[in-house]
Amino acid sequence: MDKEAVTAPDGAPPAGPYSPAIRTGNLLFVSGQGPFDADGNLVSADFAGQARAVFDNIARIVRAAGGDVDGIVRIGAYLRTLDDFAEFNAIMREVLPAPYPARTTIPADLPGFLIEVDAVAVLPDRAG
């Protein structure tokens, strides 16, 4: 099996020993992305700002692999509290096109931030 690590030059750095994403064939598996900038700093204190930053980080990685957010077929959403569920749905409708990806949403004890999202995307065929 061929696999290749994918990073976005302007993306948030990993917080541990893992790749931001792994491409195998036309599938891209994006590790959980938190609400951090390229220097690893938390981008916002409020949920909406953090959620948008998470989706921006995912989009950067998908684009770095040659894809687009239209190709995202599954996400896993981890929310510090399900009180943010309705706001998460509203933001997801803004940043991802329909048909929306398959999704699992669970509460999680996140360390110092409010949301993390991982994703699976289908990428275009490679030329050549």
Protein backbone atom coordinates (compact mmCIF):
# COMPACT_ATOMS: atom_id res chain seq x y z
CA MET A 1 0.00 0.00 0.00
CA ASP A 2 1.32 3.40 -0.95
CA LYS A 3 0.79 6.16 1.53
CA GLU A 4 2.06 9.70 1.60
CA ALA A 5 1.98 12.33 4.34
CA VAL A 6 0.29 15.59 3.40
CA THR A 7 0.88 18.91 5.12
CA ALA A 8 -0.34 22.40 4.35
CA PRO A 9 2.43 25.02 4.36
CA ASP A 10 0.12 27.49 6.13
CA GLY A 11 -1.63 24.90 8.31
CA ALA A 12 -1.50 24.31 12.03
CA PRO A 13 1.40 22.09 13.12
CA PRO A 14 0.65 18.64 14.57
CA ALA A 15 0.55 18.54 18.36
CA GLY A 16 2.18 15.11 18.49
CA PRO A 17 3.79 12.31 16.47
CA TYR A 18 1.27 12.11 13.63
CA SER A 19 0.79 13.43 10.10
CA PRO A 20 -1.75 16.18 9.43
CA ALA A 21 -3.10 13.86 6.72
CA ILE A 22 -2.29 10.66 4.88
CA ARG A 23 -3.08 10.10 1.23
CA THR A 24 -3.52 6.58 -0.06
CA GLY A 25 -4.77 6.27 -3.60
CA ASN A 26 -7.53 8.85 -4.04
CA LEU A 27 -8.43 8.95 -0.36
CA LEU A 28 -7.18 11.56 2.07
CA PHE A 29 -7.47 10.92 5.80
CA VAL A 30 -7.19 14.22 7.69
CA SER A 31 -6.18 14.01 11.34
CA GLY A 32 -8.23 15.86 13.92
CA GLN A 33 -7.76 19.58 13.39
CA GLY A 34 -8.05 22.02 16.26
CA PRO A 35 -8.62 25.78 16.21
CA PHE A 36 -4.96 26.74 15.86
CA ASP A 37 -3.01 28.97 13.49
CA ALA A 38 0.22 28.11 11.68
CA ASP A 39 2.21 28.99 14.83
CA GLY A 40 0.13 26.65 16.99
CA ASN A 41 -1.75 29.47 18.75
CA LEU A 42 -5.43 29.22 19.66
CA VAL A 43 -7.29 31.48 17.20
CA SER A 44 -10.35 32.47 19.21
CA ALA A 45 -12.04 32.06 22.56
CA ASP A 46 -15.56 31.63 21.14
CA PHE A 47 -17.02 28.52 19.55
CA ALA A 48 -17.87 30.08 16.17
CA GLY A 49 -14.33 31.40 15.67
CA GLN A 50 -12.83 28.07 16.67
CA ALA A 51 -15.17 26.08 14.42
CA ARG A 52 -14.40 28.23 11.39
CA ALA A 53 -10.66 27.91 12.07
CA VAL A 54 -10.97 24.12 12.25
CA PHE A 55 -12.73 23.98 8.89
CA ASP A 56 -10.16 26.39 7.42
CA ASN A 57 -7.37 24.06 8.58
CA ILE A 58 -9.10 21.05 7.02
CA ALA A 59 -9.63 22.97 3.74
CA ARG A 60 -5.92 23.93 3.64
CA ILE A 61 -4.86 20.31 3.98
CA VAL A 62 -7.35 19.06 1.39
CA ARG A 63 -6.17 21.75 -1.06
CA ALA A 64 -2.52 20.86 -0.37
CA ALA A 65 -3.37 17.30 -1.46
CA GLY A 66 -4.91 18.58 -4.70
CA GLY A 67 -8.54 18.38 -3.65
CA ASP A 68 -11.37 20.62 -2.59
CA VAL A 69 -13.88 20.61 0.27
CA ASP A 70 -16.47 19.27 -2.21
CA GLY A 71 -14.62 15.96 -1.93
CA ILE A 72 -15.07 15.59 1.83
CA VAL A 73 -17.22 12.50 2.36
CA ARG A 74 -17.00 12.00 6.12
CA ILE A 75 -16.20 14.04 9.20
CA GLY A 76 -15.89 13.24 12.87
CA ALA A 77 -16.76 16.20 15.10
CA TYR A 78 -15.65 16.37 18.73
CA LEU A 79 -17.30 19.11 20.76
CA ARG A 80 -16.41 20.05 24.32
CA THR A 81 -20.14 20.40 24.95
CA LEU A 82 -23.16 19.37 22.93
CA ASP A 83 -24.62 22.77 23.87
CA ASP A 84 -22.71 23.95 20.75
CA PHE A 85 -24.39 21.37 18.49
CA ALA A 86 -26.88 23.75 16.83
CA GLU A 87 -24.20 26.38 16.20
CA PHE A 88 -21.92 23.69 14.78
CA ASN A 89 -24.67 22.63 12.35
CA ALA A 90 -25.16 26.23 11.21
CA ILE A 91 -21.42 26.76 10.61
CA MET A 92 -21.10 23.42 8.83
CA ARG A 93 -23.89 24.48 6.43
CA GLU A 94 -21.90 27.66 5.68
CA VAL A 95 -18.53 26.04 5.01
CA LEU A 96 -19.36 22.69 3.38
CA PRO A 97 -21.49 22.15 0.29
CA ALA A 98 -24.46 19.81 0.08
CA PRO A 99 -24.72 16.93 -0.06
CA TYR A 100 -23.10 17.14 3.35
CA PRO A 101 -20.55 14.53 4.43
CA ALA A 102 -21.48 11.61 6.61
CA ARG A 103 -20.79 12.64 10.20
CA THR A 104 -20.40 11.51 13.76
CA THR A 105 -20.59 14.12 16.53
CA ILE A 106 -19.59 13.31 20.08
CA PRO A 107 -18.77 15.25 23.24
CA ALA A 108 -15.09 15.14 24.17
CA ASP A 109 -12.89 16.41 26.99
CA LEU A 110 -10.75 18.67 24.79
CA PRO A 111 -7.73 20.29 26.48
CA GLY A 112 -8.18 24.08 26.28
CA PHE A 113 -10.29 24.33 23.14
CA LEU A 114 -13.91 23.74 22.14
CA ILE A 115 -13.85 21.72 18.91
CA GLU A 116 -11.80 19.27 16.87
CA VAL A 117 -12.78 17.75 13.52
CA ASP A 118 -11.24 14.99 11.42
CA ALA A 119 -12.18 14.22 7.83
CA VAL A 120 -11.97 11.83 4.91
CA ALA A 121 -11.92 13.26 1.39
CA VAL A 122 -11.93 11.75 -2.08
CA LEU A 123 -9.29 13.40 -4.25
CA PRO A 124 -9.20 13.75 -8.04
CA ASP A 125 -7.22 11.19 -10.01
CA ARG A 126 -3.57 12.06 -10.34
CA ALA A 127 -2.46 13.01 -13.83
CA GLY A 128 0.12 10.87 -15.48
